[in-house]
Each structure stands twice: as C-alpha cells, then as structure tokens.
Amino acid sequence: MIHAHITTWIVALILFFVALSLNKSGKTKGAKIVQMILRLFYLLIIATGVGLLSQVSIIDWKYILKAVAGLWVIGTFEMILTRVKNDRRTSVFWIQFVVAFALALYLGFAVLPMSFLHP
C-alpha cells in the first residue's frame, strides 16, 4: 500500500508541473485535461492514505499531522493552478507548498514507523 501511495503522489507532482507549464504557455484545453487527471490522482492519494491509516493500530498525532500536511499540499496545488490560470500572484502559495511538502516528506520518510528511513 505504501508503494501505491508514493507512486500516486509522484505522478501527481509530475502532472502538477505539466498542468502548470501548459497553463503558462496558454494551452488551456490541454491544461484543463491534465488538471482533471490530476484531480483523479488527488482522490487516489487520499484513498491510499486512508488505506495506510487503516493499517495502523494506534493513530498518533504524527499521523494526523502527516494527513493534514498532505491535504495542505493538495490544496496548494489547486490554488497555484487556479491563480496561474487567472494571472494572479502565487508566491504565498509556493511558500506554503514548499513548507507543506517538506513537512509531509519529513514525517513520511523520517518520523513515522512505516517509512523507509525509520529504524
């Protein structure tokens, strides 16, 4: 289950940057299609995340924080894409994205016991 979760968010990250570049280049139809596929991957990320949470016997505050950080990343994806499409400033959301993504990676890979780097 953890491999499916990691695969879905890596694909979502790639789709995010593809949609972002299509929006910036003015190819709105292609950007809209990629963004709809990206939204499907949001659902897959959430579903695999819930599946991972269901495997944990005792849910600690770290799991809740990881889930909130993951949802925060998804929210910043949407806000950045929407603001780029409407030619509005995105700097605040890029900062939020970096913080949320770093927090999710740190919790997922270094802190939580189902991670690769946890002893």
PDB file of N, CA and C in Angstrom:
ATOM      1  N   MET A   1       0.821  -1.197   0.000  1.00  0.00           N
ATOM      2  CA  MET A   1       0.000   0.000   0.000  1.00  0.00           C
ATOM      3  C   MET A   1       0.864   1.261   0.000  1.00  0.00           C
ATOM      4  N   ILE A   2       1.995   1.199   0.693  1.00  0.00           N
ATOM      5  CA  ILE A   2       2.845   2.392   0.759  1.00  0.00           C
ATOM      6  C   ILE A   2       3.437   2.725  -0.609  1.00  0.00           C
ATOM      7  N   HIS A   3       3.731   1.692  -1.400  1.00  0.00           N
ATOM      8  CA  HIS A   3       4.275   1.939  -2.740  1.00  0.00           C
ATOM      9  C   HIS A   3       3.230   2.579  -3.645  1.00  0.00           C
ATOM     10  N   ALA A   4       1.990   2.168  -3.520  1.00  0.00           N
ATOM     11  CA  ALA A   4       0.912   2.786  -4.299  1.00  0.00           C
ATOM     12  C   ALA A   4       0.740   4.254  -3.902  1.00  0.00           C
ATOM     13  N   HIS A   5       0.842   4.538  -2.607  1.00  0.00           N
ATOM     14  CA  HIS A   5       0.693   5.906  -2.126  1.00  0.00           C
ATOM     15  C   HIS A   5       1.817   6.793  -2.676  1.00  0.00           C
ATOM     16  N   ILE A   6       3.039   6.317  -2.575  1.00  0.00           N
ATOM     17  CA  ILE A   6       4.182   7.100  -3.058  1.00  0.00           C
ATOM     18  C   ILE A   6       4.101   7.275  -4.575  1.00  0.00           C
ATOM     19  N   THR A   7       3.723   6.233  -5.288  1.00  0.00           N
ATOM     20  CA  THR A   7       3.605   6.320  -6.740  1.00  0.00           C
ATOM     21  C   THR A   7       2.549   7.343  -7.145  1.00  0.00           C
ATOM     22  N   THR A   8       1.412   7.348  -6.460  1.00  0.00           N
ATOM     23  CA  THR A   8       0.353   8.298  -6.826  1.00  0.00           C
ATOM     24  C   THR A   8       0.775   9.731  -6.570  1.00  0.00           C
ATOM     25  N   TRP A   9       1.487  10.001  -5.464  1.00  0.00           N
ATOM     26  CA  TRP A   9       1.856  11.404  -5.269  1.00  0.00           C
ATOM     27  C   TRP A   9       3.022  11.824  -6.154  1.00  0.00           C
ATOM     28  N   ILE A  10       3.872  10.896  -6.567  1.00  0.00           N
ATOM     29  CA  ILE A  10       4.924  11.260  -7.527  1.00  0.00           C
ATOM     30  C   ILE A  10       4.296  11.583  -8.894  1.00  0.00           C
ATOM     31  N   VAL A  11       3.347  10.754  -9.324  1.00  0.00           N
ATOM     32  CA  VAL A  11       2.653  11.023 -10.593  1.00  0.00           C
ATOM     33  C   VAL A  11       1.870  12.331 -10.503  1.00  0.00           C
ATOM     34  N   ALA A  12       1.241  12.591  -9.348  1.00  0.00           N
ATOM     35  CA  ALA A  12       0.503  13.844  -9.162  1.00  0.00           C
ATOM     36  C   ALA A  12       1.441  15.043  -9.219  1.00  0.00           C
ATOM     37  N   LEU A  13       2.618  14.915  -8.655  1.00  0.00           N
ATOM     38  CA  LEU A  13       3.589  16.004  -8.701  1.00  0.00           C
ATOM     39  C   LEU A  13       4.010  16.287 -10.144  1.00  0.00           C
ATOM     40  N   ILE A  14       4.234  15.241 -10.919  1.00  0.00           N
ATOM     41  CA  ILE A  14       4.584  15.407 -12.335  1.00  0.00           C
ATOM     42  C   ILE A  14       3.433  16.054 -13.093  1.00  0.00           C
ATOM     43  N   LEU A  15       2.209  15.569 -12.862  1.00  0.00           N
ATOM     44  CA  LEU A  15       1.039  16.142 -13.542  1.00  0.00           C
ATOM     45  C   LEU A  15       0.834  17.605 -13.159  1.00  0.00           C
ATOM     46  N   PHE A  16       1.128  17.940 -11.909  1.00  0.00           N
ATOM     47  CA  PHE A  16       1.011  19.335 -11.460  1.00  0.00           C
ATOM     48  C   PHE A  16       1.920  20.242 -12.282  1.00  0.00           C
ATOM     49  N   PHE A  17       3.176  19.835 -12.437  1.00  0.00           N
ATOM     50  CA  PHE A  17       4.106  20.677 -13.188  1.00  0.00           C
ATOM     51  C   PHE A  17       3.780  20.696 -14.679  1.00  0.00           C
ATOM     52  N   VAL A  18       3.231  19.615 -15.207  1.00  0.00           N
ATOM     53  CA  VAL A  18       2.785  19.615 -16.607  1.00  0.00           C
ATOM     54  C   VAL A  18       1.615  20.580 -16.784  1.00  0.00           C
ATOM     55  N   ALA A  19       0.639  20.511 -15.882  1.00  0.00           N
ATOM     56  CA  ALA A  19      -0.516  21.425 -15.955  1.00  0.00           C
ATOM     57  C   ALA A  19      -0.072  22.870 -15.780  1.00  0.00           C
ATOM     58  N   LEU A  20       0.882  23.092 -14.902  1.00  0.00           N
ATOM     59  CA  LEU A  20       1.399  24.440 -14.679  1.00  0.00           C
ATOM     60  C   LEU A  20       2.067  24.985 -15.941  1.00  0.00           C
ATOM     61  N   SER A  21       2.881  24.171 -16.583  1.00  0.00           N
ATOM     62  CA  SER A  21       3.556  24.637 -17.797  1.00  0.00           C
ATOM     63  C   SER A  21       2.567  24.844 -18.944  1.00  0.00           C
ATOM     64  N   LEU A  22       1.550  23.995 -19.033  1.00  0.00           N
ATOM     65  CA  LEU A  22       0.537  24.187 -20.076  1.00  0.00           C
ATOM     66  C   LEU A  22      -0.264  25.462 -19.835  1.00  0.00           C
ATOM     67  N   ASN A  23      -0.584  25.744 -18.562  1.00  0.00           N
ATOM     68  CA  ASN A  23      -1.299  26.983 -18.240  1.00  0.00           C
ATOM     69  C   ASN A  23      -0.469  28.206 -18.594  1.00  0.00           C
ATOM     70  N   LYS A  24       0.814  28.154 -18.263  1.00  0.00           N
ATOM     71  CA  LYS A  24       1.681  29.303 -18.530  1.00  0.00           C
ATOM     72  C   LYS A  24       1.913  29.521 -20.019  1.00  0.00           C
ATOM     73  N   SER A  25       1.879  28.434 -20.797  1.00  0.00           N
ATOM     74  CA  SER A  25       2.104  28.584 -22.238  1.00  0.00           C
ATOM     75  C   SER A  25       0.824  28.922 -22.999  1.00  0.00           C
ATOM     76  N   GLY A  26      -0.300  28.979 -22.293  1.00  0.00           N
ATOM     77  CA  GLY A  26      -1.545  29.384 -22.937  1.00  0.00           C
ATOM     78  C   GLY A  26      -2.343  28.257 -23.556  1.00  0.00           C
ATOM     79  N   LYS A  27      -1.938  27.031 -23.344  1.00  0.00           N
ATOM     80  CA  LYS A  27      -2.670  25.887 -23.887  1.00  0.00           C
ATOM     81  C   LYS A  27      -3.716  25.451 -22.864  1.00  0.00           C
ATOM     82  N   THR A  28      -4.816  26.188 -22.832  1.00  0.00           N
ATOM     83  CA  THR A  28      -5.801  25.996 -21.768  1.00  0.00           C
ATOM     84  C   THR A  28      -6.546  24.667 -21.873  1.00  0.00           C
ATOM     85  N   LYS A  29      -6.817  24.206 -23.088  1.00  0.00           N
ATOM     86  CA  LYS A  29      -7.545  22.948 -23.228  1.00  0.00           C
ATOM     87  C   LYS A  29      -6.710  21.782 -22.701  1.00  0.00           C
ATOM     88  N   GLY A  30      -5.445  21.727 -23.055  1.00  0.00           N
ATOM     89  CA  GLY A  30      -4.561  20.682 -22.556  1.00  0.00           C
ATOM     90  C   GLY A  30      -4.372  20.775 -21.054  1.00  0.00           C
ATOM     91  N   ALA A  31      -4.251  22.009 -20.552  1.00  0.00           N
ATOM     92  CA  ALA A  31      -4.089  22.214 -19.115  1.00  0.00           C
ATOM     93  C   ALA A  31      -5.315  21.741 -18.352  1.00  0.00           C
ATOM     94  N   LYS A  32      -6.486  21.977 -18.927  1.00  0.00           N
ATOM     95  CA  LYS A  32      -7.723  21.561 -18.270  1.00  0.00           C
ATOM     96  C   LYS A  32      -7.820  20.036 -18.202  1.00  0.00           C
ATOM     97  N   ILE A  33      -7.417  19.359 -19.258  1.00  0.00           N
ATOM     98  CA  ILE A  33      -7.442  17.892 -19.279  1.00  0.00           C
ATOM     99  C   ILE A  33      -6.467  17.330 -18.247  1.00  0.00           C
ATOM    100  N   VAL A  34      -5.257  17.872 -18.225  1.00  0.00           N
ATOM    101  CA  VAL A  34      -4.256  17.396 -17.274  1.00  0.00           C
ATOM    102  C   VAL A  34      -4.701  17.683 -15.848  1.00  0.00           C
ATOM    103  N   GLN A  35      -5.327  18.831 -15.628  1.00  0.00           N
ATOM    104  CA  GLN A  35      -5.798  19.174 -14.284  1.00  0.00           C
ATOM    105  C   GLN A  35      -6.918  18.232 -13.831  1.00  0.00           C
ATOM    106  N   MET A  36      -7.763  17.801 -14.740  1.00  0.00           N
ATOM    107  CA  MET A  36      -8.809  16.836 -14.373  1.00  0.00           C
ATOM    108  C   MET A  36      -8.199  15.479 -14.024  1.00  0.00           C
ATOM    109  N   ILE A  37      -7.177  15.064 -14.763  1.00  0.00           N
ATOM    110  CA  ILE A  37      -6.475  13.818 -14.428  1.00  0.00           C
ATOM    111  C   ILE A  37      -5.782  13.970 -13.076  1.00  0.00           C
ATOM    112  N   LEU A  38      -5.213  15.152 -12.830  1.00  0.00           N
ATOM    113  CA  LEU A  38      -4.576  15.432 -11.547  1.00  0.00           C
ATOM    114  C   LEU A  38      -5.576  15.322 -10.399  1.00  0.00           C
ATOM    115  N   ARG A  39      -6.781  15.792 -10.608  1.00  0.00           N
ATOM    116  CA  ARG A  39      -7.811  15.687  -9.563  1.00  0.00           C
ATOM    117  C   ARG A  39      -8.174  14.232  -9.282  1.00  0.00           C
ATOM    118  N   LEU A  40      -8.134  13.387 -10.296  1.00  0.00           N
ATOM    119  CA  LEU A  40      -8.331  11.959 -10.074  1.00  0.00           C
ATOM    120  C   LEU A  40      -7.210  11.410  -9.192  1.00  0.00           C
ATOM    121  N   PHE A  41      -6.003  11.866  -9.436  1.00  0.00           N
ATOM    122  CA  PHE A  41      -4.881  11.416  -8.611  1.00  0.00           C
ATOM    123  C   PHE A  41      -4.981  11.941  -7.185  1.00  0.00           C
ATOM    124  N   TYR A  42      -5.588  13.107  -6.976  1.00  0.00           N
ATOM    125  CA  TYR A  42      -5.845  13.567  -5.602  1.00  0.00           C
ATOM    126  C   TYR A  42      -6.684  12.520  -4.867  1.00  0.00           C
ATOM    127  N   LEU A  43      -7.724  12.051  -5.537  1.00  0.00           N
ATOM    128  CA  LEU A  43      -8.594  11.046  -4.913  1.00  0.00           C
ATOM    129  C   LEU A  43      -7.830   9.752  -4.637  1.00  0.00           C
ATOM    130  N   LEU A  44      -6.955   9.359  -5.565  1.00  0.00           N
ATOM    131  CA  LEU A  44      -6.158   8.151  -5.346  1.00  0.00           C
ATOM    132  C   LEU A  44      -5.177   8.337  -4.188  1.00  0.00           C
ATOM    133  N   ILE A  45      -4.588   9.526  -4.073  1.00  0.00           N
ATOM    134  CA  ILE A  45      -3.686   9.809  -2.957  1.00  0.00           C
ATOM    135  C   ILE A  45      -4.439   9.719  -1.641  1.00  0.00           C
ATOM    136  N   ILE A  46      -5.604  10.307  -1.595  1.00  0.00           N
ATOM    137  CA  ILE A  46      -6.401  10.279  -0.365  1.00  0.00           C
ATOM    138  C   ILE A  46      -6.825   8.854  -0.035  1.00  0.00           C
ATOM    139  N   ALA A  47      -7.240   8.096  -1.056  1.00  0.00           N
ATOM    140  CA  ALA A  47      -7.675   6.710  -0.815  1.00  0.00           C
ATOM    141  C   ALA A  47      -6.524   5.840  -0.304  1.00  0.00           C
ATOM    142  N   THR A  48      -5.346   5.964  -0.908  1.00  0.00           N
ATOM    143  CA  THR A  48      -4.226   5.159  -0.432  1.00  0.00           C
ATOM    144  C   THR A  48      -3.751   5.633   0.936  1.00  0.00           C
ATOM    145  N   GLY A  49      -3.855   6.924   1.202  1.00  0.00           N
ATOM    146  CA  GLY A  49      -3.508   7.447   2.531  1.00  0.00           C
ATOM    147  C   GLY A  49      -4.441   6.915   3.606  1.00  0.00           C
ATOM    148  N   VAL A  50      -5.732   6.865   3.294  1.00  0.00           N
ATOM    149  CA  VAL A  50      -6.696   6.285   4.239  1.00  0.00           C
ATOM    150  C   VAL A  50      -6.412   4.794   4.423  1.00  0.00           C
ATOM    151  N   GLY A  51      -6.038   4.118   3.346  1.00  0.00           N
ATOM    152  CA  GLY A  51      -5.667   2.711   3.447  1.00  0.00           C
ATOM    153  C   GLY A  51      -4.464   2.504   4.349  1.00  0.00           C
ATOM    154  N   LEU A  52      -3.491   3.394   4.243  1.00  0.00           N
ATOM    155  CA  LEU A  52      -2.328   3.310   5.133  1.00  0.00           C
ATOM    156  C   LEU A  52      -2.712   3.578   6.581  1.00  0.00           C
ATOM    157  N   LEU A  53      -3.580   4.560   6.785  1.00  0.00           N
ATOM    158  CA  LEU A  53      -4.027   4.856   8.148  1.00  0.00           C
ATOM    159  C   LEU A  53      -4.814   3.691   8.749  1.00  0.00           C
ATOM    160  N   SER A  54      -5.526   2.949   7.920  1.00  0.00           N
ATOM    161  CA  SER A  54      -6.302   1.824   8.438  1.00  0.00           C
ATOM    162  C   SER A  54      -5.410   0.665   8.879  1.00  0.00           C
ATOM    163  N   GLN A  55      -4.160   0.636   8.423  1.00  0.00           N
ATOM    164  CA  GLN A  55      -3.233  -0.409   8.825  1.00  0.00           C
ATOM    165  C   GLN A  55      -2.563  -0.125  10.161  1.00  0.00           C
ATOM    166  N   VAL A  56      -2.706   1.096  10.659  1.00  0.00           N
ATOM    167  CA  VAL A  56      -2.065   1.491  11.911  1.00  0.00           C
ATOM    168  C   VAL A  56      -2.980   1.126  13.068  1.00  0.00           C
ATOM    169  N   SER A  57      -2.415   0.491  14.092  1.00  0.00           N
ATOM    170  CA  SER A  57      -3.234   0.077  15.227  1.00  0.00           C
ATOM    171  C   SER A  57      -3.595   1.252  16.128  1.00  0.00           C
ATOM    172  N   ILE A  58      -2.633   2.118  16.426  1.00  0.00           N
ATOM    173  CA  ILE A  58      -2.893   3.292  17.257  1.00  0.00           C
ATOM    174  C   ILE A  58      -2.515   4.527  16.454  1.00  0.00           C
ATOM    175  N   ILE A  59      -3.478   5.401  16.227  1.00  0.00           N
ATOM    176  CA  ILE A  59      -3.221   6.599  15.436  1.00  0.00           C
ATOM    177  C   ILE A  59      -2.684   7.682  16.365  1.00  0.00           C
ATOM    178  N   ASP A  60      -1.436   8.040  16.130  1.00  0.00           N
ATOM    179  CA  ASP A  60      -0.740   9.054  16.910  1.00  0.00           C
ATOM    180  C   ASP A  60      -0.977  10.425  16.277  1.00  0.00           C
ATOM    181  N   TRP A  61      -0.612  11.490  16.982  1.00  0.00           N
ATOM    182  CA  TRP A  61      -0.772  12.841  16.445  1.00  0.00           C
ATOM    183  C   TRP A  61       0.097  13.051  15.212  1.00  0.00           C
ATOM    184  N   LYS A  62       1.189  12.291  15.082  1.00  0.00           N
ATOM    185  CA  LYS A  62       2.063  12.438  13.918  1.00  0.00           C
ATOM    186  C   LYS A  62       1.346  12.006  12.632  1.00  0.00           C
ATOM    187  N   TYR A  63       0.512  10.990  12.728  1.00  0.00           N
ATOM    188  CA  TYR A  63      -0.258  10.542  11.559  1.00  0.00           C
ATOM    189  C   TYR A  63      -1.270  11.603  11.141  1.00  0.00           C
ATOM    190  N   ILE A  64      -1.901  12.211  12.130  1.00  0.00           N
ATOM    191  CA  ILE A  64      -2.873  13.274  11.836  1.00  0.00           C
ATOM    192  C   ILE A  64      -2.160  14.457  11.192  1.00  0.00           C
ATOM    193  N   LEU A  65      -0.995  14.834  11.733  1.00  0.00           N
ATOM    194  CA  LEU A  65      -0.228  15.940  11.166  1.00  0.00           C
ATOM    195  C   LEU A  65       0.211  15.631   9.737  1.00  0.00           C
ATOM    196  N   LYS A  66       0.616  14.401   9.485  1.00  0.00           N
ATOM    197  CA  LYS A  66       1.007  13.984   8.129  1.00  0.00           C
ATOM    198  C   LYS A  66      -0.173  14.075   7.171  1.00  0.00           C
ATOM    199  N   ALA A  67      -1.341  13.636   7.618  1.00  0.00           N
ATOM    200  CA  ALA A  67      -2.542  13.711   6.778  1.00  0.00           C
ATOM    201  C   ALA A  67      -2.916  15.166   6.475  1.00  0.00           C
ATOM    202  N   VAL A  68      -2.825  16.018   7.475  1.00  0.00           N
ATOM    203  CA  VAL A  68      -3.142  17.433   7.273  1.00  0.00           C
ATOM    204  C   VAL A  68      -2.136  18.072   6.319  1.00  0.00           C
ATOM    205  N   ALA A  69      -0.853  17.735   6.479  1.00  0.00           N
ATOM    206  CA  ALA A  69       0.171  18.277   5.573  1.00  0.00           C
ATOM    207  C   ALA A  69      -0.074  17.803   4.143  1.00  0.00           C
ATOM    208  N   GLY A  70      -0.467  16.542   3.972  1.00  0.00           N
ATOM    209  CA  GLY A  70      -0.771  16.025   2.635  1.00  0.00           C
ATOM    210  C   GLY A  70      -1.957  16.735   2.002  1.00  0.00           C
ATOM    211  N   LEU A  71      -2.995  16.965   2.779  1.00  0.00           N
ATOM    212  CA  LEU A  71      -4.154  17.700   2.263  1.00  0.00           C
ATOM    213  C   LEU A  71      -3.790  19.154   1.960  1.00  0.00           C
ATOM    214  N   TRP A  72      -2.898  19.700   2.763  1.00  0.00           N
ATOM    215  CA  TRP A  72      -2.410  21.065   2.535  1.00  0.00           C
ATOM    216  C   TRP A  72      -1.666  21.144   1.206  1.00  0.00           C
ATOM    217  N   VAL A  73      -0.860  20.147   0.899  1.00  0.00           N
ATOM    218  CA  VAL A  73      -0.150  20.101  -0.384  1.00  0.00           C
ATOM    219  C   VAL A  73      -1.153  20.073  -1.538  1.00  0.00           C
ATOM    220  N   ILE A  74      -2.168  19.237  -1.421  1.00  0.00           N
ATOM    221  CA  ILE A  74      -3.190  19.155  -2.467  1.00  0.00           C
ATOM    222  C   ILE A  74      -3.897  20.498  -2.633  1.00  0.00           C
ATOM    223  N   GLY A  75      -4.190  21.159  -1.522  1.00  0.00           N
ATOM    224  CA  GLY A  75      -4.825  22.480  -1.576  1.00  0.00           C
ATOM    225  C   GLY A  75      -3.953  23.521  -2.255  1.00  0.00           C
ATOM    226  N   THR A  76      -2.653  23.482  -1.973  1.00  0.00           N
ATOM    227  CA  THR A  76      -1.758  24.451  -2.627  1.00  0.00           C
ATOM    228  C   THR A  76      -1.612  24.153  -4.117  1.00  0.00           C
ATOM    229  N   PHE A  77      -1.648  22.857  -4.492  1.00  0.00           N
ATOM    230  CA  PHE A  77      -1.658  22.523  -5.922  1.00  0.00           C
ATOM    231  C   PHE A  77      -2.802  23.246  -6.623  1.00  0.00           C
ATOM    232  N   GLU A  78      -3.986  23.097  -6.073  1.00  0.00           N
ATOM    233  CA  GLU A  78      -5.174  23.686  -6.697  1.00  0.00           C
ATOM    234  C   GLU A  78      -5.108  25.208  -6.712  1.00  0.00           C
ATOM    235  N   MET A  79      -4.670  25.799  -5.611  1.00  0.00           N
ATOM    236  CA  MET A  79      -4.612  27.262  -5.550  1.00  0.00           C
ATOM    237  C   MET A  79      -3.579  27.817  -6.542  1.00  0.00           C
ATOM    238  N   ILE A  80      -2.442  27.157  -6.658  1.00  0.00           N
ATOM    239  CA  ILE A  80      -1.423  27.630  -7.595  1.00  0.00           C
ATOM    240  C   ILE A  80      -1.938  27.529  -9.031  1.00  0.00           C
ATOM    241  N   LEU A  81      -2.529  26.389  -9.379  1.00  0.00           N
ATOM    242  CA  LEU A  81      -3.031  26.225 -10.748  1.00  0.00           C
ATOM    243  C   LEU A  81      -4.148  27.212 -11.073  1.00  0.00           C
ATOM    244  N   THR A  82      -5.030  27.446 -10.121  1.00  0.00           N
ATOM    245  CA  THR A  82      -6.129  28.384 -10.339  1.00  0.00           C
ATOM    246  C   THR A  82      -5.613  29.803 -10.495  1.00  0.00           C
ATOM    247  N   ARG A  83      -4.674  30.182  -9.651  1.00  0.00           N
ATOM    248  CA  ARG A  83      -4.145  31.549  -9.720  1.00  0.00           C
ATOM    249  C   ARG A  83      -3.293  31.772 -10.962  1.00  0.00           C
ATOM    250  N   VAL A  84      -2.572  30.766 -11.401  1.00  0.00           N
ATOM    251  CA  VAL A  84      -1.795  30.911 -12.644  1.00  0.00           C
ATOM    252  C   VAL A  84      -2.744  31.078 -13.824  1.00  0.00           C
ATOM    253  N   LYS A  85      -3.829  30.307 -13.818  1.00  0.00           N
ATOM    254  CA  LYS A  85      -4.805  30.404 -14.910  1.00  0.00           C
ATOM    255  C   LYS A  85      -5.444  31.793 -14.960  1.00  0.00           C
ATOM    256  N   ASN A  86      -5.648  32.407 -13.790  1.00  0.00           N
ATOM    257  CA  ASN A  86      -6.279  33.726 -13.718  1.00  0.00           C
ATOM    258  C   ASN A  86      -5.270  34.874 -13.679  1.00  0.00           C
ATOM    259  N   ASP A  87      -3.993  34.594 -13.922  1.00  0.00           N
ATOM    260  CA  ASP A  87      -2.919  35.591 -13.920  1.00  0.00           C
ATOM    261  C   ASP A  87      -2.859  36.388 -12.617  1.00  0.00           C
ATOM    262  N   ARG A  88      -2.873  35.672 -11.500  1.00  0.00           N
ATOM    263  CA  ARG A  88      -2.759  36.299 -10.186  1.00  0.00           C
ATOM    264  C   ARG A  88      -1.470  35.829  -9.522  1.00  0.00           C
ATOM    265  N   ARG A  89      -1.058  36.524  -8.475  1.00  0.00           N
ATOM    266  CA  ARG A  89       0.194  36.197  -7.778  1.00  0.00           C
ATOM    267  C   ARG A  89       0.082  34.856  -7.065  1.00  0.00           C
ATOM    268  N   THR A  90       1.188  34.104  -7.098  1.00  0.00           N
ATOM    269  CA  THR A  90       1.197  32.774  -6.484  1.00  0.00           C
ATOM    270  C   THR A  90       2.306  32.595  -5.453  1.00  0.00           C
ATOM    271  N   SER A  91       3.053  33.630  -5.146  1.00  0.00           N
ATOM    272  CA  SER A  91       4.229  33.479  -4.286  1.00  0.00           C
ATOM    273  C   SER A  91       3.887  32.941  -2.900  1.00  0.00           C
ATOM    274  N   VAL A  92       2.807  33.388  -2.312  1.00  0.00           N
ATOM    275  CA  VAL A  92       2.414  32.907  -0.976  1.00  0.00           C
ATOM    276  C   VAL A  92       2.093  31.413  -1.025  1.00  0.00           C
ATOM    277  N   PHE A  93       1.441  30.986  -2.076  1.00  0.00           N
ATOM    278  CA  PHE A  93       1.077  29.577  -2.190  1.00  0.00           C
ATOM    279  C   PHE A  93       2.282  28.698  -2.511  1.00  0.00           C
ATOM    280  N   TRP A  94       3.273  29.237  -3.211  1.00  0.00           N
ATOM    281  CA  TRP A  94       4.505  28.474  -3.446  1.00  0.00           C
ATOM    282  C   TRP A  94       5.250  28.262  -2.136  1.00  0.00           C
ATOM    283  N   ILE A  95       5.273  29.280  -1.281  1.00  0.00           N
ATOM    284  CA  ILE A  95       5.907  29.135   0.033  1.00  0.00           C
ATOM    285  C   ILE A  95       5.166  28.090   0.853  1.00  0.00           C
ATOM    286  N   GLN A  96       3.837  28.161   0.837  1.00  0.00           N
ATOM    287  CA  GLN A  96       3.043  27.170   1.556  1.00  0.00           C
ATOM    288  C   GLN A  96       3.279  25.768   1.011  1.00  0.00           C
ATOM    289  N   PHE A  97       3.377  25.651  -0.306  1.00  0.00           N
ATOM    290  CA  PHE A  97       3.632  24.353  -0.922  1.00  0.00           C
ATOM    291  C   PHE A  97       4.956  23.767  -0.446  1.00  0.00           C
ATOM    292  N   VAL A  98       6.007  24.575  -0.449  1.00  0.00           N
ATOM    293  CA  VAL A  98       7.326  24.099  -0.026  1.00  0.00           C
ATOM    294  C   VAL A  98       7.296  23.651   1.436  1.00  0.00           C
ATOM    295  N   VAL A  99       6.669  24.442   2.294  1.00  0.00           N
ATOM    296  CA  VAL A  99       6.590  24.091   3.725  1.00  0.00           C
ATOM    297  C   VAL A  99       5.777  22.816   3.923  1.00  0.00           C
ATOM    298  N   ALA A 100       4.616  22.735   3.309  1.00  0.00           N
ATOM    299  CA  ALA A 100       3.743  21.570   3.484  1.00  0.00           C
ATOM    300  C   ALA A 100       4.382  20.315   2.897  1.00  0.00           C
ATOM    301  N   PHE A 101       5.000  20.437   1.731  1.00  0.00           N
ATOM    302  CA  PHE A 101       5.621  19.281   1.094  1.00  0.00           C
ATOM    303  C   PHE A 101       6.819  18.795   1.903  1.00  0.00           C
ATOM    304  N   ALA A 102       7.623  19.730   2.410  1.00  0.00           N
ATOM    305  CA  ALA A 102       8.771  19.351   3.242  1.00  0.00           C
ATOM    306  C   ALA A 102       8.302  18.673   4.525  1.00  0.00           C
ATOM    307  N   LEU A 103       7.239  19.191   5.133  1.00  0.00           N
ATOM    308  CA  LEU A 103       6.699  18.587   6.349  1.00  0.00           C
ATOM    309  C   LEU A 103       6.161  17.187   6.074  1.00  0.00           C
ATOM    310  N   ALA A 104       5.437  17.026   4.993  1.00  0.00           N
ATOM    311  CA  ALA A 104       4.896  15.711   4.643  1.00  0.00           C
ATOM    312  C   ALA A 104       6.013  14.715   4.340  1.00  0.00           C
ATOM    313  N   LEU A 105       7.038  15.147   3.620  1.00  0.00           N
ATOM    314  CA  LEU A 105       8.170  14.259   3.336  1.00  0.00           C
ATOM    315  C   LEU A 105       8.920  13.887   4.601  1.00  0.00           C
ATOM    316  N   TYR A 106       9.155  14.870   5.469  1.00  0.00           N
ATOM    317  CA  TYR A 106       9.869  14.599   6.714  1.00  0.00           C
ATOM    318  C   TYR A 106       9.099  13.606   7.581  1.00  0.00           C
ATOM    319  N   LEU A 107       7.813  13.856   7.753  1.00  0.00           N
ATOM    320  CA  LEU A 107       7.005  12.943   8.571  1.00  0.00           C
ATOM    321  C   LEU A 107       6.885  11.575   7.926  1.00  0.00           C
ATOM    322  N   GLY A 108       6.709  11.544   6.620  1.00  0.00           N
ATOM    323  CA  GLY A 108       6.517  10.281   5.936  1.00  0.00           C
ATOM    324  C   GLY A 108       7.756   9.421   5.841  1.00  0.00           C
ATOM    325  N   PHE A 109       8.914  10.047   5.654  1.00  0.00           N
ATOM    326  CA  PHE A 109      10.130   9.268   5.446  1.00  0.00           C
ATOM    327  C   PHE A 109      11.014   9.143   6.684  1.00  0.00           C
ATOM    328  N   ALA A 110      10.943  10.075   7.615  1.00  0.00           N
ATOM    329  CA  ALA A 110      11.877  10.058   8.733  1.00  0.00           C
ATOM    330  C   ALA A 110      11.237   9.783  10.088  1.00  0.00           C
ATOM    331  N   VAL A 111       9.977  10.093  10.264  1.00  0.00           N
ATOM    332  CA  VAL A 111       9.377  10.016  11.592  1.00  0.00           C
ATOM    333  C   VAL A 111       8.454   8.820  11.761  1.00  0.00           C
ATOM    334  N   LEU A 112       7.544   8.638  10.835  1.00  0.00           N
ATOM    335  CA  LEU A 112       6.532   7.596  11.000  1.00  0.00           C
ATOM    336  C   LEU A 112       7.120   6.205  10.809  1.00  0.00           C
ATOM    337  N   PRO A 113       6.632   5.216  11.557  1.00  0.00           N
ATOM    338  CA  PRO A 113       7.252   3.892  11.533  1.00  0.00           C
ATOM    339  C   PRO A 113       7.096   3.110  10.232  1.00  0.00           C
ATOM    340  N   MET A 114       6.160   3.445   9.371  1.00  0.00           N
ATOM    341  CA  MET A 114       6.020   2.707   8.108  1.00  0.00           C
ATOM    342  C   MET A 114       6.912   3.273   7.015  1.00  0.00           C
ATOM    343  N   SER A 115       7.795   4.206   7.367  1.00  0.00           N
ATOM    344  CA  SER A 115       8.635   4.843   6.356  1.00  0.00           C
ATOM    345  C   SER A 115       9.859   4.001   6.039  1.00  0.00           C
ATOM    346  N   PHE A 116      10.537   4.373   4.959  1.00  0.00           N
ATOM    347  CA  PHE A 116      11.720   3.640   4.534  1.00  0.00           C
ATOM    348  C   PHE A 116      12.920   3.938   5.440  1.00  0.00           C
ATOM    349  N   LEU A 117      13.029   5.178   5.919  1.00  0.00           N
ATOM    350  CA  LEU A 117      14.210   5.595   6.649  1.00  0.00           C
ATOM    351  C   LEU A 117      14.103   5.398   8.164  1.00  0.00           C
ATOM    352  N   HIS A 118      12.945   5.043   8.635  1.00  0.00           N
ATOM    353  CA  HIS A 118      12.761   4.864  10.073  1.00  0.00           C
ATOM    354  C   HIS A 118      13.467   3.584  10.524  1.00  0.00           C
ATOM    355  N   PRO A 119      14.219   3.666  11.640  1.00  0.00           N
ATOM    356  CA  PRO A 119      14.954   2.473  12.097  1.00  0.00           C
ATOM    357  C   PRO A 119      14.078   1.324  12.534  1.00  0.00           C
TER     358      PRO A 119
END
